[in-house]
Amino acid sequence: MKPLKNRLIQARLSEDELADFDEVKHELGLTGNSKAMRQMIRDEKLLMQATDECHNDNYDAVTILVQQLNNQGRLPLVEALCGLTNSKSLSELKIVRDQYADIQQQLEGIMYVATKSGTNLNQIAHVLNTAKGKAEQENADLTDSDLWNWVANQLVQNNRILAELHSKIDEFQTKVGLLKKANDRYDSSRNALVS
C-alpha cells in the first residue's frame, strides 16, 4: 500500500483565494476542506465533459447532465453548463425550472391516484378470491349479499377514483399543451427576430 503522504495535496492560498475557497465551500454546503476540494474536482471534470460533448455535437449528454444537476439543486453549475450570464437568461431558466417543478408535482398527483385505484382493485380481487376459496371448500355458492354489496360499493368508489384520475390527466394535458404553445410562440418570435 502506498503511503498516504504520496496522495496528499497541499496548497498555500492568499487571503483572497482562501475567502473564495470558503465561499465556494459554503455554496456547496460542505464543512471540510477535503470534501470541498473533491467536489470541486468532480464539478470541473463535469464541466470539461460537457464541453467535450458540446464540441462533438452531443447535446443530449449535456441535457442529461443539466437534468441531474437540476435535480440536485445545483443551480450555479446548471447556469455554468448552459452558459447563462445575463439576467434575462436567468429569469427564463427560472420560468423553465418552475414549469418543470409544476409538471413533476402534477405527475406525482397522477401517480398517487393511479396507485390508489390499483390498491382498491387489489383489495376487491383479494376479497373475491378468499370468498371463492371458502365457497369451494364448503361446496356453496357465492350468494352472500353482504359480499356483493361491499364489492359494488368498492367498484363505485373505484369509479370515482378513476374519474379523479381522468380529471388529473386532462388537467395535466391542458397544462402541458399550454406550455408547449407558449414555447412554440416564444421560439417562433425568437426565430422571426433572428431572420
N, C-alpha and C. Protein backbone atom coordinates (compact mmCIF):
# COMPACT_ATOMS: atom_id res chain seq x y z
N MET A 1 0.84 -1.18 0.00
CA MET A 1 0.00 0.00 0.00
C MET A 1 0.88 1.24 0.00
N LYS A 2 0.55 2.18 -0.90
CA LYS A 2 1.34 3.40 -0.99
C LYS A 2 1.12 4.26 0.25
N PRO A 3 2.15 4.93 0.67
CA PRO A 3 1.98 5.83 1.82
C PRO A 3 0.97 6.93 1.49
N LEU A 4 0.19 7.29 2.50
CA LEU A 4 -0.83 8.33 2.33
C LEU A 4 -0.20 9.65 1.92
N LYS A 5 1.04 9.87 2.32
CA LYS A 5 1.74 11.11 2.02
C LYS A 5 1.84 11.35 0.52
N ASN A 6 1.92 10.27 -0.27
CA ASN A 6 2.03 10.41 -1.73
C ASN A 6 0.76 10.98 -2.35
N ARG A 7 -0.37 10.84 -1.67
CA ARG A 7 -1.64 11.33 -2.21
C ARG A 7 -2.03 12.68 -1.63
N LEU A 8 -1.26 13.19 -0.73
CA LEU A 8 -1.59 14.43 -0.05
C LEU A 8 -1.34 15.62 -0.97
N ILE A 9 -2.32 16.51 -1.06
CA ILE A 9 -2.18 17.73 -1.86
C ILE A 9 -2.32 18.91 -0.91
N GLN A 10 -1.32 19.75 -0.92
CA GLN A 10 -1.36 20.95 -0.08
C GLN A 10 -1.22 22.17 -0.97
N ALA A 11 -1.82 23.23 -0.56
CA ALA A 11 -1.71 24.47 -1.32
C ALA A 11 -1.71 25.64 -0.36
N ARG A 12 -0.90 26.61 -0.67
CA ARG A 12 -0.90 27.85 0.09
C ARG A 12 -1.78 28.85 -0.66
N LEU A 13 -2.72 29.42 0.07
CA LEU A 13 -3.66 30.35 -0.54
C LEU A 13 -3.47 31.73 0.03
N SER A 14 -3.66 32.72 -0.82
CA SER A 14 -3.65 34.10 -0.33
C SER A 14 -4.95 34.32 0.44
N GLU A 15 -5.06 35.45 1.09
CA GLU A 15 -6.28 35.76 1.85
C GLU A 15 -7.50 35.78 0.91
N ASP A 16 -7.34 36.39 -0.27
CA ASP A 16 -8.45 36.45 -1.23
C ASP A 16 -8.81 35.06 -1.74
N GLU A 17 -7.81 34.25 -2.05
CA GLU A 17 -8.06 32.88 -2.53
C GLU A 17 -8.75 32.05 -1.45
N LEU A 18 -8.32 32.22 -0.21
CA LEU A 18 -8.94 31.48 0.89
C LEU A 18 -10.40 31.91 1.07
N ALA A 19 -10.65 33.21 0.94
CA ALA A 19 -12.03 33.70 1.04
C ALA A 19 -12.88 33.12 -0.09
N ASP A 20 -12.33 33.07 -1.31
CA ASP A 20 -13.06 32.48 -2.44
C ASP A 20 -13.32 31.00 -2.20
N PHE A 21 -12.31 30.29 -1.69
CA PHE A 21 -12.46 28.86 -1.41
C PHE A 21 -13.56 28.63 -0.36
N ASP A 22 -13.54 29.43 0.70
CA ASP A 22 -14.56 29.30 1.75
C ASP A 22 -15.95 29.61 1.21
N GLU A 23 -16.04 30.59 0.31
CA GLU A 23 -17.33 30.94 -0.28
C GLU A 23 -17.88 29.77 -1.12
N VAL A 24 -17.01 29.16 -1.92
CA VAL A 24 -17.43 28.01 -2.74
C VAL A 24 -17.80 26.84 -1.84
N LYS A 25 -16.99 26.62 -0.81
CA LYS A 25 -17.26 25.53 0.13
C LYS A 25 -18.63 25.72 0.78
N HIS A 26 -18.93 26.95 1.16
CA HIS A 26 -20.23 27.26 1.76
C HIS A 26 -21.36 27.05 0.74
N GLU A 27 -21.13 27.47 -0.50
CA GLU A 27 -22.13 27.31 -1.56
C GLU A 27 -22.43 25.82 -1.80
N LEU A 28 -21.40 24.98 -1.69
CA LEU A 28 -21.58 23.54 -1.86
C LEU A 28 -22.22 22.90 -0.64
N GLY A 29 -22.28 23.63 0.46
CA GLY A 29 -22.88 23.09 1.68
C GLY A 29 -21.98 22.08 2.38
N LEU A 30 -20.68 22.24 2.23
CA LEU A 30 -19.72 21.31 2.83
C LEU A 30 -18.96 22.00 3.96
N THR A 31 -18.49 21.19 4.90
CA THR A 31 -17.76 21.77 6.02
C THR A 31 -16.26 21.51 5.92
N GLY A 32 -15.87 20.36 5.42
CA GLY A 32 -14.46 20.01 5.35
C GLY A 32 -13.80 20.48 4.07
N ASN A 33 -12.53 20.87 4.21
CA ASN A 33 -11.77 21.33 3.04
C ASN A 33 -11.56 20.20 2.03
N SER A 34 -11.30 18.99 2.52
CA SER A 34 -11.06 17.86 1.62
C SER A 34 -12.30 17.53 0.80
N LYS A 35 -13.46 17.51 1.47
CA LYS A 35 -14.71 17.24 0.75
C LYS A 35 -14.97 18.31 -0.30
N ALA A 36 -14.72 19.56 0.07
CA ALA A 36 -14.94 20.67 -0.87
C ALA A 36 -14.02 20.53 -2.08
N MET A 37 -12.76 20.18 -1.83
CA MET A 37 -11.79 20.04 -2.92
C MET A 37 -12.20 18.89 -3.85
N ARG A 38 -12.65 17.78 -3.27
CA ARG A 38 -13.09 16.64 -4.10
C ARG A 38 -14.30 17.03 -4.95
N GLN A 39 -15.25 17.76 -4.35
CA GLN A 39 -16.44 18.17 -5.10
C GLN A 39 -16.06 19.14 -6.21
N MET A 40 -15.12 20.04 -5.94
CA MET A 40 -14.68 20.99 -6.97
C MET A 40 -14.03 20.25 -8.14
N ILE A 41 -13.26 19.22 -7.83
CA ILE A 41 -12.63 18.42 -8.89
C ILE A 41 -13.70 17.72 -9.73
N ARG A 42 -14.70 17.10 -9.05
CA ARG A 42 -15.79 16.44 -9.78
C ARG A 42 -16.54 17.43 -10.66
N ASP A 43 -16.81 18.63 -10.11
CA ASP A 43 -17.53 19.64 -10.89
C ASP A 43 -16.73 20.09 -12.10
N GLU A 44 -15.44 20.27 -11.90
CA GLU A 44 -14.59 20.70 -13.02
C GLU A 44 -14.54 19.62 -14.10
N LYS A 45 -14.46 18.36 -13.68
CA LYS A 45 -14.48 17.26 -14.66
C LYS A 45 -15.81 17.23 -15.40
N LEU A 46 -16.89 17.51 -14.68
CA LEU A 46 -18.22 17.55 -15.28
C LEU A 46 -18.30 18.65 -16.34
N LEU A 47 -17.76 19.82 -16.02
CA LEU A 47 -17.75 20.92 -16.99
C LEU A 47 -16.91 20.58 -18.21
N MET A 48 -15.76 19.92 -17.99
CA MET A 48 -14.93 19.52 -19.12
C MET A 48 -15.65 18.49 -19.98
N GLN A 49 -16.33 17.55 -19.34
CA GLN A 49 -17.09 16.53 -20.07
C GLN A 49 -18.19 17.18 -20.90
N ALA A 50 -18.90 18.13 -20.30
CA ALA A 50 -19.97 18.82 -21.02
C ALA A 50 -19.41 19.61 -22.20
N THR A 51 -18.26 20.24 -22.01
CA THR A 51 -17.62 20.99 -23.09
C THR A 51 -17.24 20.06 -24.23
N ASP A 52 -16.66 18.91 -23.89
CA ASP A 52 -16.29 17.93 -24.93
C ASP A 52 -17.51 17.45 -25.69
N GLU A 53 -18.60 17.16 -24.95
CA GLU A 53 -19.83 16.69 -25.60
C GLU A 53 -20.40 17.76 -26.53
N CYS A 54 -20.32 19.02 -26.11
CA CYS A 54 -20.81 20.11 -26.98
C CYS A 54 -19.97 20.20 -28.24
N HIS A 55 -18.66 20.07 -28.10
CA HIS A 55 -17.79 20.13 -29.28
C HIS A 55 -18.06 18.96 -30.23
N ASN A 56 -18.54 17.84 -29.68
CA ASN A 56 -18.88 16.67 -30.51
C ASN A 56 -20.35 16.70 -30.96
N ASP A 57 -21.03 17.83 -30.74
CA ASP A 57 -22.45 17.99 -31.10
C ASP A 57 -23.35 16.97 -30.43
N ASN A 58 -22.98 16.52 -29.24
CA ASN A 58 -23.80 15.57 -28.49
C ASN A 58 -24.51 16.34 -27.39
N TYR A 59 -25.56 17.07 -27.77
CA TYR A 59 -26.26 17.92 -26.82
C TYR A 59 -27.14 17.13 -25.86
N ASP A 60 -27.50 15.91 -26.25
CA ASP A 60 -28.31 15.06 -25.36
C ASP A 60 -27.56 14.77 -24.06
N ALA A 61 -26.26 14.50 -24.17
CA ALA A 61 -25.46 14.21 -22.97
C ALA A 61 -25.42 15.43 -22.05
N VAL A 62 -25.31 16.61 -22.63
CA VAL A 62 -25.30 17.84 -21.83
C VAL A 62 -26.66 18.04 -21.17
N THR A 63 -27.73 17.75 -21.90
CA THR A 63 -29.08 17.87 -21.33
C THR A 63 -29.24 16.94 -20.13
N ILE A 64 -28.73 15.72 -20.24
CA ILE A 64 -28.80 14.76 -19.14
C ILE A 64 -28.02 15.29 -17.94
N LEU A 65 -26.84 15.84 -18.18
CA LEU A 65 -26.03 16.41 -17.09
C LEU A 65 -26.78 17.56 -16.42
N VAL A 66 -27.41 18.42 -17.22
CA VAL A 66 -28.15 19.55 -16.67
C VAL A 66 -29.32 19.06 -15.82
N GLN A 67 -30.03 18.02 -16.30
CA GLN A 67 -31.14 17.47 -15.52
C GLN A 67 -30.66 16.90 -14.19
N GLN A 68 -29.54 16.18 -14.22
CA GLN A 68 -29.01 15.61 -12.97
C GLN A 68 -28.66 16.71 -11.98
N LEU A 69 -27.98 17.73 -12.46
CA LEU A 69 -27.59 18.84 -11.58
C LEU A 69 -28.81 19.61 -11.09
N ASN A 70 -29.79 19.77 -11.95
CA ASN A 70 -31.03 20.46 -11.57
C ASN A 70 -31.73 19.69 -10.45
N ASN A 71 -31.78 18.36 -10.56
CA ASN A 71 -32.41 17.53 -9.53
C ASN A 71 -31.65 17.61 -8.21
N GLN A 72 -30.34 17.88 -8.28
CA GLN A 72 -29.53 18.01 -7.06
C GLN A 72 -29.59 19.42 -6.48
N GLY A 73 -30.29 20.32 -7.18
CA GLY A 73 -30.37 21.70 -6.69
C GLY A 73 -29.10 22.48 -6.90
N ARG A 74 -28.31 22.12 -7.91
CA ARG A 74 -27.03 22.77 -8.17
C ARG A 74 -27.18 23.85 -9.25
N LEU A 75 -28.01 24.86 -8.95
CA LEU A 75 -28.33 25.89 -9.92
C LEU A 75 -27.10 26.62 -10.48
N PRO A 76 -26.10 27.01 -9.66
CA PRO A 76 -24.94 27.70 -10.25
C PRO A 76 -24.22 26.86 -11.31
N LEU A 77 -24.13 25.55 -11.08
CA LEU A 77 -23.46 24.70 -12.06
C LEU A 77 -24.33 24.52 -13.31
N VAL A 78 -25.65 24.47 -13.12
CA VAL A 78 -26.56 24.42 -14.26
C VAL A 78 -26.38 25.67 -15.11
N GLU A 79 -26.31 26.82 -14.45
CA GLU A 79 -26.11 28.07 -15.16
C GLU A 79 -24.79 28.06 -15.92
N ALA A 80 -23.75 27.50 -15.29
CA ALA A 80 -22.45 27.43 -15.96
C ALA A 80 -22.52 26.54 -17.19
N LEU A 81 -23.19 25.39 -17.07
CA LEU A 81 -23.30 24.48 -18.21
C LEU A 81 -24.12 25.09 -19.34
N CYS A 82 -25.12 25.86 -18.98
CA CYS A 82 -25.97 26.47 -20.01
C CYS A 82 -25.37 27.77 -20.54
N GLY A 83 -24.31 28.26 -19.93
CA GLY A 83 -23.69 29.49 -20.38
C GLY A 83 -24.57 30.70 -20.12
N LEU A 84 -25.30 30.69 -19.02
CA LEU A 84 -26.21 31.78 -18.73
C LEU A 84 -25.50 32.85 -17.91
N THR A 85 -25.47 34.04 -18.46
CA THR A 85 -24.76 35.10 -17.75
C THR A 85 -25.60 36.34 -17.51
N ASN A 86 -26.61 36.58 -18.34
CA ASN A 86 -27.37 37.81 -18.13
C ASN A 86 -28.67 37.52 -17.38
N SER A 87 -29.29 38.57 -16.89
CA SER A 87 -30.48 38.40 -16.06
C SER A 87 -31.67 37.87 -16.86
N LYS A 88 -31.76 38.18 -18.15
CA LYS A 88 -32.87 37.69 -18.97
C LYS A 88 -32.79 36.16 -19.07
N SER A 89 -31.59 35.65 -19.32
CA SER A 89 -31.42 34.19 -19.41
C SER A 89 -31.74 33.53 -18.09
N LEU A 90 -31.31 34.15 -16.99
CA LEU A 90 -31.58 33.57 -15.68
C LEU A 90 -33.06 33.56 -15.36
N SER A 91 -33.78 34.63 -15.75
CA SER A 91 -35.21 34.66 -15.48
C SER A 91 -35.93 33.61 -16.33
N GLU A 92 -35.47 33.40 -17.58
CA GLU A 92 -36.05 32.35 -18.42
C GLU A 92 -35.79 30.97 -17.83
N LEU A 93 -34.58 30.78 -17.28
CA LEU A 93 -34.25 29.50 -16.64
C LEU A 93 -35.16 29.27 -15.43
N LYS A 94 -35.42 30.34 -14.66
CA LYS A 94 -36.29 30.20 -13.50
C LYS A 94 -37.70 29.81 -13.92
N ILE A 95 -38.19 30.39 -15.02
CA ILE A 95 -39.53 30.05 -15.52
C ILE A 95 -39.57 28.57 -15.91
N VAL A 96 -38.55 28.11 -16.60
CA VAL A 96 -38.49 26.71 -17.02
C VAL A 96 -38.42 25.80 -15.81
N ARG A 97 -37.61 26.16 -14.82
CA ARG A 97 -37.50 25.34 -13.60
C ARG A 97 -38.85 25.27 -12.88
N ASP A 98 -39.55 26.40 -12.80
CA ASP A 98 -40.86 26.41 -12.14
C ASP A 98 -41.86 25.54 -12.91
N GLN A 99 -41.82 25.61 -14.25
CA GLN A 99 -42.71 24.78 -15.06
C GLN A 99 -42.39 23.30 -14.85
N TYR A 100 -41.11 22.98 -14.81
CA TYR A 100 -40.69 21.60 -14.60
C TYR A 100 -41.18 21.10 -13.24
N ALA A 101 -41.04 21.94 -12.21
CA ALA A 101 -41.48 21.56 -10.86
C ALA A 101 -42.99 21.36 -10.83
N ASP A 102 -43.73 22.21 -11.54
CA ASP A 102 -45.19 22.09 -11.59
C ASP A 102 -45.59 20.79 -12.29
N ILE A 103 -44.92 20.47 -13.39
CA ILE A 103 -45.21 19.22 -14.11
C ILE A 103 -44.88 18.02 -13.22
N GLN A 104 -43.76 18.08 -12.52
CA GLN A 104 -43.39 16.98 -11.62
C GLN A 104 -44.46 16.78 -10.55
N GLN A 105 -44.95 17.87 -10.00
CA GLN A 105 -45.97 17.81 -8.96
C GLN A 105 -47.26 17.20 -9.51
N GLN A 106 -47.65 17.60 -10.71
CA GLN A 106 -48.86 17.05 -11.31
C GLN A 106 -48.70 15.55 -11.60
N LEU A 107 -47.52 15.16 -12.08
CA LEU A 107 -47.28 13.74 -12.35
C LEU A 107 -47.33 12.92 -11.05
N GLU A 108 -46.81 13.48 -9.98
CA GLU A 108 -46.88 12.78 -8.69
C GLU A 108 -48.33 12.61 -8.25
N GLY A 109 -49.16 13.63 -8.49
CA GLY A 109 -50.59 13.52 -8.16
C GLY A 109 -51.27 12.44 -8.98
N ILE A 110 -50.93 12.36 -10.27
CA ILE A 110 -51.49 11.32 -11.13
C ILE A 110 -51.07 9.94 -10.64
N MET A 111 -49.79 9.80 -10.30
CA MET A 111 -49.29 8.51 -9.83
C MET A 111 -49.96 8.09 -8.52
N TYR A 112 -50.21 9.06 -7.64
CA TYR A 112 -50.86 8.76 -6.36
C TYR A 112 -52.27 8.22 -6.60
N VAL A 113 -53.02 8.90 -7.47
CA VAL A 113 -54.40 8.47 -7.73
C VAL A 113 -54.41 7.11 -8.43
N ALA A 114 -53.49 6.89 -9.37
CA ALA A 114 -53.42 5.60 -10.06
C ALA A 114 -53.09 4.48 -9.08
N THR A 115 -52.18 4.75 -8.15
CA THR A 115 -51.82 3.76 -7.13
C THR A 115 -53.01 3.46 -6.23
N LYS A 116 -53.75 4.52 -5.88
CA LYS A 116 -54.94 4.35 -5.04
C LYS A 116 -55.97 3.45 -5.72
N SER A 117 -56.17 3.65 -7.02
CA SER A 117 -57.10 2.82 -7.78
C SER A 117 -56.63 1.37 -7.83
N GLY A 118 -55.34 1.18 -8.08
CA GLY A 118 -54.79 -0.18 -8.12
C GLY A 118 -54.93 -0.90 -6.80
N THR A 119 -54.69 -0.19 -5.71
CA THR A 119 -54.84 -0.77 -4.37
C THR A 119 -56.28 -1.19 -4.13
N ASN A 120 -57.21 -0.34 -4.52
CA ASN A 120 -58.63 -0.64 -4.34
C ASN A 120 -59.01 -1.90 -5.12
N LEU A 121 -58.56 -2.00 -6.36
CA LEU A 121 -58.88 -3.17 -7.17
C LEU A 121 -58.22 -4.44 -6.60
N ASN A 122 -57.01 -4.30 -6.08
CA ASN A 122 -56.35 -5.45 -5.44
C ASN A 122 -57.13 -5.94 -4.23
N GLN A 123 -57.66 -5.01 -3.45
CA GLN A 123 -58.47 -5.40 -2.28
C GLN A 123 -59.72 -6.15 -2.71
N ILE A 124 -60.39 -5.66 -3.75
CA ILE A 124 -61.59 -6.34 -4.26
C ILE A 124 -61.23 -7.74 -4.72
N ALA A 125 -60.15 -7.87 -5.50
CA ALA A 125 -59.74 -9.19 -6.00
C ALA A 125 -59.40 -10.12 -4.85
N HIS A 126 -58.72 -9.62 -3.84
CA HIS A 126 -58.34 -10.46 -2.69
C HIS A 126 -59.59 -10.98 -1.96
N VAL A 127 -60.55 -10.09 -1.71
CA VAL A 127 -61.78 -10.49 -1.01
C VAL A 127 -62.55 -11.51 -1.84
N LEU A 128 -62.65 -11.28 -3.15
CA LEU A 128 -63.38 -12.23 -4.00
C LEU A 128 -62.67 -13.58 -4.08
N ASN A 129 -61.35 -13.57 -4.17
CA ASN A 129 -60.61 -14.84 -4.20
C ASN A 129 -60.77 -15.61 -2.88
N THR A 130 -60.75 -14.88 -1.78
CA THR A 130 -60.95 -15.52 -0.47
C THR A 130 -62.36 -16.12 -0.38
N ALA A 131 -63.35 -15.35 -0.81
CA ALA A 131 -64.73 -15.84 -0.78
C ALA A 131 -64.90 -17.05 -1.70
N LYS A 132 -64.26 -17.01 -2.85
CA LYS A 132 -64.36 -18.13 -3.79
C LYS A 132 -63.75 -19.39 -3.19
N GLY A 133 -62.57 -19.23 -2.57
CA GLY A 133 -61.91 -20.38 -1.93
C GLY A 133 -62.75 -20.96 -0.81
N LYS A 134 -63.34 -20.09 -0.02
CA LYS A 134 -64.19 -20.54 1.08
C LYS A 134 -65.44 -21.25 0.55
N ALA A 135 -66.04 -20.71 -0.52
CA ALA A 135 -67.23 -21.32 -1.11
C ALA A 135 -66.91 -22.69 -1.69
N GLU A 136 -65.74 -22.83 -2.29
CA GLU A 136 -65.34 -24.12 -2.85
C GLU A 136 -65.13 -25.17 -1.76
N GLN A 137 -64.56 -24.74 -0.64
CA GLN A 137 -64.33 -25.67 0.48
C GLN A 137 -65.66 -26.14 1.07
N GLU A 138 -66.62 -25.25 1.11
CA GLU A 138 -67.91 -25.59 1.73
C GLU A 138 -68.95 -26.04 0.70
N ASN A 139 -68.55 -26.20 -0.57
CA ASN A 139 -69.47 -26.55 -1.65
C ASN A 139 -70.70 -25.65 -1.64
N ALA A 140 -70.46 -24.34 -1.58
CA ALA A 140 -71.56 -23.38 -1.53
C ALA A 140 -71.43 -22.40 -2.69
N ASP A 141 -72.51 -21.70 -2.94
CA ASP A 141 -72.49 -20.67 -3.98
C ASP A 141 -72.05 -19.35 -3.36
N LEU A 142 -71.59 -18.46 -4.23
CA LEU A 142 -71.21 -17.11 -3.79
C LEU A 142 -72.45 -16.22 -3.82
N THR A 143 -73.34 -16.44 -2.86
CA THR A 143 -74.61 -15.69 -2.86
C THR A 143 -74.73 -14.75 -1.66
N ASP A 144 -73.66 -14.53 -0.96
CA ASP A 144 -73.70 -13.66 0.21
C ASP A 144 -73.98 -12.22 -0.25
N SER A 145 -75.11 -11.69 0.11
CA SER A 145 -75.49 -10.34 -0.34
C SER A 145 -74.58 -9.27 0.25
N ASP A 146 -74.08 -9.48 1.49
CA ASP A 146 -73.15 -8.51 2.08
C ASP A 146 -71.87 -8.41 1.26
N LEU A 147 -71.39 -9.56 0.80
CA LEU A 147 -70.17 -9.57 -0.03
C LEU A 147 -70.39 -8.77 -1.31
N TRP A 148 -71.48 -9.04 -2.00
CA TRP A 148 -71.72 -8.37 -3.27
C TRP A 148 -72.05 -6.89 -3.09
N ASN A 149 -72.68 -6.54 -1.98
CA ASN A 149 -72.89 -5.12 -1.70
C ASN A 149 -71.56 -4.41 -1.46
N TRP A 150 -70.68 -5.07 -0.73
CA TRP A 150 -69.35 -4.49 -0.47
C TRP A 150 -68.59 -4.33 -1.79
N VAL A 151 -68.61 -5.36 -2.63
CA VAL A 151 -67.92 -5.29 -3.93
C VAL A 151 -68.50 -4.15 -4.77
N ALA A 152 -69.82 -4.05 -4.82
CA ALA A 152 -70.46 -2.98 -5.59
C ALA A 152 -70.05 -1.61 -5.06
N ASN A 153 -70.03 -1.45 -3.74
CA ASN A 153 -69.61 -0.16 -3.15
C ASN A 153 -68.16 0.15 -3.49
N GLN A 154 -67.31 -0.88 -3.44
CA GLN A 154 -65.90 -0.67 -3.76
C GLN A 154 -65.72 -0.29 -5.23
N LEU A 155 -66.49 -0.92 -6.11
CA LEU A 155 -66.41 -0.59 -7.53
C LEU A 155 -66.90 0.83 -7.80
N VAL A 156 -67.94 1.26 -7.09
CA VAL A 156 -68.41 2.64 -7.22
C VAL A 156 -67.33 3.60 -6.75
N GLN A 157 -66.71 3.26 -5.62
CA GLN A 157 -65.62 4.10 -5.09
C GLN A 157 -64.47 4.16 -6.09
N ASN A 158 -64.14 3.00 -6.68
CA ASN A 158 -63.05 2.97 -7.65
C ASN A 158 -63.40 3.77 -8.90
N ASN A 159 -64.68 3.77 -9.26
CA ASN A 159 -65.11 4.57 -10.40
C ASN A 159 -64.89 6.05 -10.12
N ARG A 160 -65.14 6.48 -8.88
CA ARG A 160 -64.86 7.88 -8.50
C ARG A 160 -63.36 8.17 -8.59
N ILE A 161 -62.57 7.21 -8.14
CA ILE A 161 -61.11 7.39 -8.20
C ILE A 161 -60.66 7.52 -9.65
N LEU A 162 -61.21 6.68 -10.52
CA LEU A 162 -60.85 6.74 -11.93
C LEU A 162 -61.29 8.05 -12.57
N ALA A 163 -62.43 8.58 -12.14
CA ALA A 163 -62.88 9.89 -12.63
C ALA A 163 -61.89 10.97 -12.19
N GLU A 164 -61.42 10.87 -10.95
CA GLU A 164 -60.42 11.82 -10.45
C GLU A 164 -59.13 11.70 -11.25
N LEU A 165 -58.73 10.46 -11.55
CA LEU A 165 -57.53 10.23 -12.35
C LEU A 165 -57.69 10.83 -13.74
N HIS A 166 -58.83 10.61 -14.35
CA HIS A 166 -59.10 11.17 -15.68
C HIS A 166 -59.03 12.69 -15.64
N SER A 167 -59.59 13.28 -14.60
CA SER A 167 -59.57 14.73 -14.44
C SER A 167 -58.13 15.25 -14.32
N LYS A 168 -57.32 14.56 -13.51
CA LYS A 168 -55.92 14.98 -13.34
C LYS A 168 -55.14 14.85 -14.64
N ILE A 169 -55.41 13.79 -15.40
CA ILE A 169 -54.72 13.62 -16.68
C ILE A 169 -55.13 14.71 -17.65
N ASP A 170 -56.43 15.04 -17.69
CA ASP A 170 -56.90 16.13 -18.55
C ASP A 170 -56.24 17.45 -18.16
N GLU A 171 -56.18 17.70 -16.85
CA GLU A 171 -55.55 18.92 -16.35
C GLU A 171 -54.07 18.97 -16.74
N PHE A 172 -53.42 17.83 -16.63
CA PHE A 172 -52.00 17.74 -16.98
C PHE A 172 -51.81 17.99 -18.49
N GLN A 173 -52.65 17.36 -19.32
CA GLN A 173 -52.54 17.55 -20.77
C GLN A 173 -52.79 19.00 -21.15
N THR A 174 -53.76 19.62 -20.50
CA THR A 174 -54.04 21.03 -20.78
C THR A 174 -52.84 21.89 -20.41
N LYS A 175 -52.28 21.63 -19.22
CA LYS A 175 -51.14 22.42 -18.75
C LYS A 175 -49.94 22.25 -19.68
N VAL A 176 -49.64 21.00 -20.04
CA VAL A 176 -48.50 20.75 -20.93
C VAL A 176 -48.77 21.33 -22.31
N GLY A 177 -50.02 21.24 -22.78
CA GLY A 177 -50.36 21.84 -24.07
C GLY A 177 -50.18 23.34 -24.07
N LEU A 178 -50.59 23.99 -22.98
CA LEU A 178 -50.41 25.44 -22.88
C LEU A 178 -48.93 25.80 -22.83
N LEU A 179 -48.14 25.01 -22.10
CA LEU A 179 -46.70 25.27 -22.04
C LEU A 179 -46.08 25.09 -23.42
N LYS A 180 -46.50 24.05 -24.12
CA LYS A 180 -45.96 23.79 -25.46
C LYS A 180 -46.31 24.93 -26.39
N LYS A 181 -47.59 25.40 -26.34
CA LYS A 181 -47.99 26.51 -27.20
C LYS A 181 -47.18 27.77 -26.86
N ALA A 182 -46.98 28.02 -25.56
CA ALA A 182 -46.21 29.20 -25.15
C ALA A 182 -44.77 29.09 -25.65
N ASN A 183 -44.18 27.90 -25.53
CA ASN A 183 -42.81 27.71 -26.00
C ASN A 183 -42.73 27.83 -27.51
N ASP A 184 -43.75 27.31 -28.24
CA ASP A 184 -43.77 27.43 -29.70
C ASP A 184 -43.86 28.91 -30.11
N ARG A 185 -44.71 29.67 -29.41
CA ARG A 185 -44.82 31.11 -29.70
C ARG A 185 -43.49 31.79 -29.43
N TYR A 186 -42.84 31.42 -28.32
CA TYR A 186 -41.55 32.03 -27.97
C TYR A 186 -40.51 31.70 -29.03
N ASP A 187 -40.47 30.43 -29.46
CA ASP A 187 -39.49 30.02 -30.47
C ASP A 187 -39.74 30.73 -31.80
N SER A 188 -41.01 30.84 -32.20
CA SER A 188 -41.32 31.48 -33.48
C SER A 188 -40.99 32.96 -33.44
N SER A 189 -41.26 33.63 -32.30
CA SER A 189 -40.93 35.04 -32.20
C SER A 189 -39.43 35.25 -32.17
N ARG A 190 -38.71 34.33 -31.53
CA ARG A 190 -37.26 34.43 -31.49
C ARG A 190 -36.68 34.20 -32.89
N ASN A 191 -37.24 33.22 -33.61
CA ASN A 191 -36.77 32.95 -34.97
C ASN A 191 -37.05 34.12 -35.90
N ALA A 192 -38.20 34.78 -35.68
CA ALA A 192 -38.53 35.94 -36.52
C ALA A 192 -37.54 37.06 -36.29
N LEU A 193 -37.10 37.23 -35.04
CA LEU A 193 -36.12 38.27 -34.74
C LEU A 193 -34.76 37.95 -35.36
N VAL A 194 -34.41 36.66 -35.39
CA VAL A 194 -33.11 36.25 -35.92
C VAL A 194 -33.08 36.41 -37.44
N SER A 195 -34.19 36.07 -38.11
CA SER A 195 -34.21 36.12 -39.59
C SER A 195 -34.55 37.50 -40.09
